[in-house]
Amino acid sequence: MIRKEGKGVPIKSTLEIKTRTVYKPIDVQEVLPQLWVSQAPKIVRAYHKQGLFAVARVEDVALDIKRWGENHQADLKKLATLIKKIISVVKENGGKGVVKYHIDQGDKLAIWQSDGKKLLPDDLYSKLDSKKPKESELEPVM
C-alpha cells in the first residue's frame, strides 16, 4: 500500500543554499552546472566568519541557468547518452550496479554488479522501466 502525503512544491519556490567562509567567495559560474541539474531558480550565498554567518540574500539565477544550459547542449547530450548507456548496462546485469569514476586509472568509468538491496521503492522502478528510450534517441557513447 502506498500512502501519499504532503504536497508538491513548485520549482519556482525552491532555492539552493551555498555556504562558505567569507574569505573564499562563491562564484555563480562555479555552481551553475549543479544549479542546472536541480533547476532551482534561486541561490543563497551565505558566508561565515569563524562560524558566525552574515545576513544572506536570495538571488534569482534563473536566466543564468537557462543560458548555461543553452551554451552546454553538446555536453548535456553526451551526458544523457552516457546515463542511458549506464542504465542499459546495469539492466543487462541484473538491475543492480555501482558506478565508479577512476581519475587515477586513466580517466575511466567502471560499472560493477551489486548484490546490495534496492535503493528505491518497487513502484518507482516500474515507473522508470516504462520510460524506455526510443531506438532513435540512443547515440554512441563518446
N, C-alpha and C. Protein backbone atom coordinates (compact mmCIF):
# COMPACT_ATOMS: atom_id res chain seq x y z
N MET A 1 0.84 -1.17 0.00
CA MET A 1 0.00 0.00 0.00
C MET A 1 0.89 1.24 0.00
N ILE A 2 0.57 2.16 -0.87
CA ILE A 2 1.32 3.41 -0.94
C ILE A 2 0.45 4.53 -0.42
N ARG A 3 0.98 5.30 0.50
CA ARG A 3 0.24 6.41 1.08
C ARG A 3 0.92 7.70 0.66
N LYS A 4 0.16 8.54 -0.02
CA LYS A 4 0.70 9.83 -0.45
C LYS A 4 0.47 10.86 0.64
N GLU A 5 1.52 11.61 0.93
CA GLU A 5 1.42 12.65 1.94
C GLU A 5 2.12 13.90 1.46
N GLY A 6 1.83 15.00 2.09
CA GLY A 6 2.48 16.25 1.72
C GLY A 6 1.92 16.81 0.44
N LYS A 7 2.62 17.77 -0.12
CA LYS A 7 2.17 18.36 -1.37
C LYS A 7 3.39 18.75 -2.19
N GLY A 8 3.19 18.81 -3.48
CA GLY A 8 4.26 19.21 -4.38
C GLY A 8 4.62 20.67 -4.18
N VAL A 9 5.86 20.98 -4.44
CA VAL A 9 6.34 22.36 -4.33
C VAL A 9 6.73 22.83 -5.72
N PRO A 10 6.19 23.95 -6.17
CA PRO A 10 6.58 24.46 -7.49
C PRO A 10 8.08 24.76 -7.52
N ILE A 11 8.72 24.42 -8.63
CA ILE A 11 10.17 24.62 -8.74
C ILE A 11 10.55 26.07 -8.50
N LYS A 12 9.67 27.01 -8.87
CA LYS A 12 9.99 28.43 -8.67
C LYS A 12 10.07 28.79 -7.19
N SER A 13 9.57 27.91 -6.32
CA SER A 13 9.63 28.15 -4.87
C SER A 13 10.85 27.52 -4.21
N THR A 14 11.72 26.92 -5.01
CA THR A 14 12.89 26.25 -4.44
C THR A 14 14.13 27.13 -4.56
N LEU A 15 15.12 26.81 -3.76
CA LEU A 15 16.39 27.52 -3.85
C LEU A 15 17.51 26.60 -3.38
N GLU A 16 18.72 26.96 -3.75
CA GLU A 16 19.93 26.25 -3.30
C GLU A 16 20.65 27.16 -2.32
N ILE A 17 21.14 26.59 -1.25
CA ILE A 17 21.91 27.35 -0.28
C ILE A 17 23.35 26.88 -0.35
N LYS A 18 24.25 27.81 -0.56
CA LYS A 18 25.68 27.52 -0.61
C LYS A 18 26.35 28.30 0.51
N THR A 19 27.15 27.62 1.29
CA THR A 19 27.84 28.29 2.40
C THR A 19 29.35 28.15 2.24
N ARG A 20 30.03 29.15 2.73
CA ARG A 20 31.49 29.15 2.65
C ARG A 20 32.03 30.24 3.57
N THR A 21 33.30 30.13 3.85
CA THR A 21 33.94 31.17 4.64
C THR A 21 33.94 32.48 3.86
N VAL A 22 33.90 33.57 4.57
CA VAL A 22 33.87 34.90 3.96
C VAL A 22 35.12 35.16 3.13
N TYR A 23 36.19 34.43 3.41
CA TYR A 23 37.46 34.63 2.71
C TYR A 23 37.53 33.94 1.35
N LYS A 24 36.50 33.14 1.02
CA LYS A 24 36.50 32.42 -0.25
C LYS A 24 35.14 32.60 -0.94
N PRO A 25 34.95 33.69 -1.66
CA PRO A 25 33.66 33.97 -2.29
C PRO A 25 33.22 32.86 -3.26
N ILE A 26 31.92 32.67 -3.36
CA ILE A 26 31.33 31.68 -4.26
C ILE A 26 31.00 32.35 -5.58
N ASP A 27 31.64 31.89 -6.64
CA ASP A 27 31.36 32.39 -7.99
C ASP A 27 30.17 31.61 -8.54
N VAL A 28 29.14 32.30 -8.98
CA VAL A 28 27.95 31.64 -9.51
C VAL A 28 28.33 30.71 -10.66
N GLN A 29 29.28 31.11 -11.49
CA GLN A 29 29.71 30.27 -12.62
C GLN A 29 30.21 28.91 -12.14
N GLU A 30 30.78 28.88 -10.96
CA GLU A 30 31.31 27.65 -10.38
C GLU A 30 30.19 26.65 -10.05
N VAL A 31 29.03 27.15 -9.68
CA VAL A 31 27.94 26.27 -9.24
C VAL A 31 26.81 26.13 -10.27
N LEU A 32 26.93 26.80 -11.41
CA LEU A 32 25.86 26.73 -12.42
C LEU A 32 25.57 25.31 -12.90
N PRO A 33 26.57 24.44 -13.11
CA PRO A 33 26.22 23.07 -13.52
C PRO A 33 25.31 22.38 -12.51
N GLN A 34 25.59 22.52 -11.24
CA GLN A 34 24.75 21.91 -10.20
C GLN A 34 23.37 22.56 -10.17
N LEU A 35 23.33 23.87 -10.34
CA LEU A 35 22.05 24.57 -10.36
C LEU A 35 21.22 24.15 -11.57
N TRP A 36 21.88 23.89 -12.70
CA TRP A 36 21.16 23.44 -13.90
C TRP A 36 20.50 22.09 -13.62
N VAL A 37 21.21 21.19 -12.96
CA VAL A 37 20.64 19.87 -12.65
C VAL A 37 19.44 20.02 -11.72
N SER A 38 19.56 20.81 -10.68
CA SER A 38 18.46 20.95 -9.72
C SER A 38 17.34 21.84 -10.24
N GLN A 39 17.67 22.72 -11.19
CA GLN A 39 16.72 23.69 -11.75
C GLN A 39 16.15 24.62 -10.69
N ALA A 40 16.83 24.73 -9.56
CA ALA A 40 16.40 25.70 -8.54
C ALA A 40 16.73 27.09 -9.06
N PRO A 41 15.72 27.96 -9.22
CA PRO A 41 15.95 29.25 -9.86
C PRO A 41 16.60 30.31 -8.98
N LYS A 42 16.78 29.98 -7.72
CA LYS A 42 17.35 30.97 -6.80
C LYS A 42 18.50 30.34 -6.01
N ILE A 43 19.42 31.20 -5.63
CA ILE A 43 20.56 30.76 -4.82
C ILE A 43 20.73 31.72 -3.65
N VAL A 44 21.17 31.16 -2.54
CA VAL A 44 21.56 31.96 -1.38
C VAL A 44 23.03 31.65 -1.14
N ARG A 45 23.86 32.68 -1.26
CA ARG A 45 25.29 32.53 -0.94
C ARG A 45 25.48 33.09 0.46
N ALA A 46 25.70 32.19 1.40
CA ALA A 46 25.82 32.59 2.81
C ALA A 46 27.27 32.42 3.25
N TYR A 47 27.82 33.49 3.80
CA TYR A 47 29.23 33.49 4.21
C TYR A 47 29.34 33.58 5.72
N HIS A 48 30.32 32.86 6.24
CA HIS A 48 30.54 32.90 7.69
C HIS A 48 31.98 33.30 8.00
N LYS A 49 32.14 33.87 9.16
CA LYS A 49 33.47 34.20 9.68
C LYS A 49 33.55 33.55 11.05
N GLN A 50 34.44 32.57 11.16
CA GLN A 50 34.60 31.79 12.39
C GLN A 50 33.26 31.21 12.86
N GLY A 51 32.47 30.72 11.90
CA GLY A 51 31.21 30.06 12.23
C GLY A 51 30.01 30.98 12.39
N LEU A 52 30.21 32.28 12.36
CA LEU A 52 29.12 33.23 12.51
C LEU A 52 28.73 33.75 11.12
N PHE A 53 27.49 33.51 10.74
CA PHE A 53 27.02 33.88 9.40
C PHE A 53 26.55 35.33 9.34
N ALA A 54 26.90 35.98 8.25
CA ALA A 54 26.38 37.31 7.96
C ALA A 54 24.98 37.13 7.37
N VAL A 55 24.22 38.20 7.28
CA VAL A 55 22.89 38.14 6.67
C VAL A 55 23.05 37.78 5.20
N ALA A 56 22.32 36.77 4.77
CA ALA A 56 22.40 36.31 3.38
C ALA A 56 21.21 36.86 2.60
N ARG A 57 21.36 36.89 1.27
CA ARG A 57 20.24 37.36 0.45
C ARG A 57 19.97 36.34 -0.65
N VAL A 58 18.74 36.32 -1.11
CA VAL A 58 18.31 35.42 -2.17
C VAL A 58 18.57 36.09 -3.51
N GLU A 59 19.20 35.36 -4.43
CA GLU A 59 19.49 35.88 -5.77
C GLU A 59 18.76 35.04 -6.81
N ASP A 60 18.14 35.68 -7.77
CA ASP A 60 17.48 34.97 -8.87
C ASP A 60 18.52 34.67 -9.95
N VAL A 61 18.75 33.39 -10.21
CA VAL A 61 19.75 32.98 -11.21
C VAL A 61 19.11 32.18 -12.35
N ALA A 62 17.78 32.28 -12.48
CA ALA A 62 17.07 31.51 -13.50
C ALA A 62 17.61 31.78 -14.90
N LEU A 63 17.86 33.04 -15.22
CA LEU A 63 18.37 33.38 -16.55
C LEU A 63 19.78 32.83 -16.76
N ASP A 64 20.61 32.89 -15.72
CA ASP A 64 21.97 32.34 -15.80
C ASP A 64 21.92 30.82 -16.06
N ILE A 65 21.01 30.14 -15.37
CA ILE A 65 20.86 28.69 -15.55
C ILE A 65 20.41 28.37 -16.97
N LYS A 66 19.44 29.13 -17.46
CA LYS A 66 18.95 28.92 -18.83
C LYS A 66 20.08 29.10 -19.84
N ARG A 67 20.83 30.17 -19.70
CA ARG A 67 21.96 30.43 -20.62
C ARG A 67 23.01 29.32 -20.53
N TRP A 68 23.30 28.87 -19.32
CA TRP A 68 24.29 27.81 -19.15
C TRP A 68 23.84 26.55 -19.90
N GLY A 69 22.56 26.20 -19.75
CA GLY A 69 22.04 25.03 -20.46
C GLY A 69 22.13 25.18 -21.96
N GLU A 70 21.79 26.36 -22.46
CA GLU A 70 21.86 26.61 -23.90
C GLU A 70 23.30 26.53 -24.40
N ASN A 71 24.24 27.03 -23.63
CA ASN A 71 25.65 27.04 -24.04
C ASN A 71 26.35 25.69 -23.89
N HIS A 72 25.71 24.74 -23.22
CA HIS A 72 26.34 23.44 -22.98
C HIS A 72 25.52 22.28 -23.54
N GLN A 73 24.75 22.53 -24.59
CA GLN A 73 23.91 21.48 -25.18
C GLN A 73 24.70 20.26 -25.62
N ALA A 74 25.84 20.46 -26.26
CA ALA A 74 26.64 19.32 -26.72
C ALA A 74 27.08 18.45 -25.54
N ASP A 75 27.54 19.09 -24.47
CA ASP A 75 27.97 18.35 -23.28
C ASP A 75 26.79 17.63 -22.62
N LEU A 76 25.65 18.29 -22.57
CA LEU A 76 24.47 17.69 -21.94
C LEU A 76 23.96 16.50 -22.75
N LYS A 77 24.06 16.57 -24.07
CA LYS A 77 23.67 15.42 -24.91
C LYS A 77 24.60 14.24 -24.66
N LYS A 78 25.90 14.51 -24.51
CA LYS A 78 26.85 13.44 -24.19
C LYS A 78 26.53 12.83 -22.82
N LEU A 79 26.19 13.69 -21.86
CA LEU A 79 25.83 13.20 -20.53
C LEU A 79 24.59 12.32 -20.59
N ALA A 80 23.58 12.75 -21.34
CA ALA A 80 22.35 11.96 -21.47
C ALA A 80 22.65 10.61 -22.10
N THR A 81 23.50 10.59 -23.12
CA THR A 81 23.88 9.34 -23.77
C THR A 81 24.61 8.43 -22.79
N LEU A 82 25.51 8.99 -22.01
CA LEU A 82 26.25 8.21 -21.02
C LEU A 82 25.31 7.63 -19.97
N ILE A 83 24.37 8.42 -19.49
CA ILE A 83 23.42 7.93 -18.48
C ILE A 83 22.58 6.80 -19.05
N LYS A 84 22.11 6.94 -20.29
CA LYS A 84 21.33 5.87 -20.94
C LYS A 84 22.16 4.60 -21.06
N LYS A 85 23.44 4.74 -21.40
CA LYS A 85 24.32 3.58 -21.53
C LYS A 85 24.51 2.90 -20.17
N ILE A 86 24.72 3.68 -19.13
CA ILE A 86 24.88 3.12 -17.78
C ILE A 86 23.62 2.36 -17.38
N ILE A 87 22.45 2.95 -17.61
CA ILE A 87 21.18 2.28 -17.28
C ILE A 87 21.07 0.97 -18.04
N SER A 88 21.41 0.99 -19.32
CA SER A 88 21.32 -0.21 -20.15
C SER A 88 22.24 -1.32 -19.63
N VAL A 89 23.49 -0.97 -19.33
CA VAL A 89 24.45 -1.97 -18.84
C VAL A 89 23.99 -2.54 -17.50
N VAL A 90 23.52 -1.70 -16.61
CA VAL A 90 23.06 -2.17 -15.30
C VAL A 90 21.86 -3.09 -15.46
N LYS A 91 20.90 -2.73 -16.32
CA LYS A 91 19.73 -3.58 -16.53
C LYS A 91 20.13 -4.94 -17.10
N GLU A 92 21.11 -4.94 -18.02
CA GLU A 92 21.58 -6.19 -18.63
C GLU A 92 22.29 -7.09 -17.62
N ASN A 93 22.70 -6.53 -16.50
CA ASN A 93 23.44 -7.28 -15.49
C ASN A 93 22.69 -7.39 -14.17
N GLY A 94 21.41 -7.61 -14.26
CA GLY A 94 20.61 -7.88 -13.07
C GLY A 94 19.95 -6.68 -12.43
N GLY A 95 20.14 -5.51 -12.98
CA GLY A 95 19.44 -4.34 -12.47
C GLY A 95 20.05 -3.67 -11.26
N LYS A 96 21.17 -4.17 -10.79
CA LYS A 96 21.83 -3.55 -9.63
C LYS A 96 23.27 -3.28 -10.01
N GLY A 97 23.72 -2.07 -9.76
CA GLY A 97 25.09 -1.76 -10.12
C GLY A 97 25.64 -0.58 -9.34
N VAL A 98 26.94 -0.47 -9.38
CA VAL A 98 27.66 0.63 -8.76
C VAL A 98 28.53 1.26 -9.84
N VAL A 99 28.46 2.57 -9.97
CA VAL A 99 29.27 3.29 -10.95
C VAL A 99 30.40 4.00 -10.20
N LYS A 100 31.62 3.78 -10.69
CA LYS A 100 32.78 4.41 -10.04
C LYS A 100 33.64 5.07 -11.10
N TYR A 101 34.04 6.30 -10.82
CA TYR A 101 34.90 7.06 -11.72
C TYR A 101 36.33 6.97 -11.21
N HIS A 102 37.23 6.48 -12.09
CA HIS A 102 38.64 6.31 -11.73
C HIS A 102 39.49 7.36 -12.42
N ILE A 103 39.68 8.50 -11.82
CA ILE A 103 40.52 9.54 -12.44
C ILE A 103 41.99 9.12 -12.41
N ASP A 104 42.37 8.35 -11.38
CA ASP A 104 43.76 7.94 -11.23
C ASP A 104 44.13 6.74 -12.10
N GLN A 105 43.16 6.14 -12.77
CA GLN A 105 43.42 4.99 -13.64
C GLN A 105 43.12 5.32 -15.09
N GLY A 106 43.54 6.47 -15.52
CA GLY A 106 43.36 6.83 -16.92
C GLY A 106 41.99 7.40 -17.23
N ASP A 107 41.37 8.05 -16.25
CA ASP A 107 40.10 8.72 -16.51
C ASP A 107 39.03 7.74 -16.99
N LYS A 108 38.79 6.67 -16.20
CA LYS A 108 37.86 5.61 -16.60
C LYS A 108 36.61 5.60 -15.72
N LEU A 109 35.53 5.15 -16.32
CA LEU A 109 34.27 4.95 -15.62
C LEU A 109 34.03 3.45 -15.57
N ALA A 110 33.83 2.90 -14.39
CA ALA A 110 33.61 1.46 -14.25
C ALA A 110 32.22 1.21 -13.67
N ILE A 111 31.58 0.15 -14.16
CA ILE A 111 30.27 -0.25 -13.64
C ILE A 111 30.43 -1.64 -13.05
N TRP A 112 30.12 -1.76 -11.78
CA TRP A 112 30.25 -3.02 -11.06
C TRP A 112 28.87 -3.57 -10.75
N GLN A 113 28.73 -4.89 -10.81
CA GLN A 113 27.48 -5.51 -10.40
C GLN A 113 27.38 -5.42 -8.88
N SER A 114 26.19 -5.20 -8.40
CA SER A 114 25.98 -5.05 -6.96
C SER A 114 24.99 -6.09 -6.46
N ASP A 115 25.27 -6.64 -5.30
CA ASP A 115 24.34 -7.58 -4.67
C ASP A 115 23.56 -6.90 -3.55
N GLY A 116 23.73 -5.60 -3.43
CA GLY A 116 23.07 -4.86 -2.36
C GLY A 116 21.56 -4.78 -2.54
N LYS A 117 20.90 -4.28 -1.52
CA LYS A 117 19.45 -4.15 -1.57
C LYS A 117 19.05 -3.01 -2.51
N LYS A 118 17.80 -3.03 -2.93
CA LYS A 118 17.29 -1.98 -3.81
C LYS A 118 17.30 -0.65 -3.07
N LEU A 119 17.62 0.41 -3.81
CA LEU A 119 17.70 1.73 -3.20
C LEU A 119 16.39 2.51 -3.31
N LEU A 120 15.52 2.08 -4.24
CA LEU A 120 14.26 2.78 -4.47
C LEU A 120 13.09 1.83 -4.24
N PRO A 121 11.91 2.36 -3.97
CA PRO A 121 10.73 1.50 -3.83
C PRO A 121 10.36 0.87 -5.19
N ASP A 122 9.76 -0.32 -5.15
CA ASP A 122 9.41 -1.05 -6.38
C ASP A 122 8.56 -0.23 -7.33
N ASP A 123 7.61 0.56 -6.82
CA ASP A 123 6.74 1.33 -7.71
C ASP A 123 7.53 2.35 -8.52
N LEU A 124 8.60 2.87 -7.96
CA LEU A 124 9.42 3.84 -8.69
C LEU A 124 10.22 3.14 -9.78
N TYR A 125 10.70 1.93 -9.51
CA TYR A 125 11.40 1.18 -10.55
C TYR A 125 10.47 0.91 -11.73
N SER A 126 9.20 0.58 -11.44
CA SER A 126 8.27 0.30 -12.54
C SER A 126 8.01 1.55 -13.36
N LYS A 127 7.97 2.72 -12.73
CA LYS A 127 7.80 3.97 -13.48
C LYS A 127 9.01 4.23 -14.37
N LEU A 128 10.20 3.98 -13.85
CA LEU A 128 11.41 4.19 -14.64
C LEU A 128 11.47 3.23 -15.82
N ASP A 129 11.04 1.98 -15.61
CA ASP A 129 11.06 0.99 -16.69
C ASP A 129 10.10 1.35 -17.81
N SER A 130 9.02 2.05 -17.49
CA SER A 130 8.03 2.40 -18.52
C SER A 130 8.50 3.54 -19.40
N LYS A 131 9.58 4.20 -19.04
CA LYS A 131 10.09 5.33 -19.81
C LYS A 131 11.33 4.94 -20.59
N LYS A 132 11.26 3.82 -21.30
CA LYS A 132 12.41 3.36 -22.08
C LYS A 132 12.63 4.28 -23.27
N PRO A 133 13.89 4.61 -23.58
CA PRO A 133 14.15 5.48 -24.72
C PRO A 133 13.87 4.78 -26.04
N LYS A 134 13.45 5.56 -27.02
CA LYS A 134 13.26 5.04 -28.36
C LYS A 134 14.62 4.76 -28.97
N GLU A 135 14.67 3.82 -29.90
CA GLU A 135 15.94 3.48 -30.55
C GLU A 135 16.59 4.71 -31.16
N SER A 136 15.78 5.62 -31.71
CA SER A 136 16.32 6.81 -32.37
C SER A 136 16.97 7.78 -31.38
N GLU A 137 16.64 7.65 -30.08
CA GLU A 137 17.21 8.55 -29.07
C GLU A 137 18.60 8.12 -28.64
N LEU A 138 18.96 6.87 -28.93
CA LEU A 138 20.25 6.37 -28.48
C LEU A 138 21.35 6.76 -29.46
N GLU A 139 22.44 7.21 -28.92
CA GLU A 139 23.60 7.59 -29.72
C GLU A 139 24.81 6.85 -29.18
N PRO A 140 25.85 6.68 -30.00
CA PRO A 140 27.05 6.01 -29.48
C PRO A 140 27.67 6.82 -28.34
N VAL A 141 28.22 6.10 -27.38
CA VAL A 141 28.87 6.77 -26.26
C VAL A 141 30.21 7.31 -26.73
N MET A 142 30.55 8.51 -26.23
CA MET A 142 31.76 9.25 -26.60
C MET A 142 32.89 8.37 -27.01
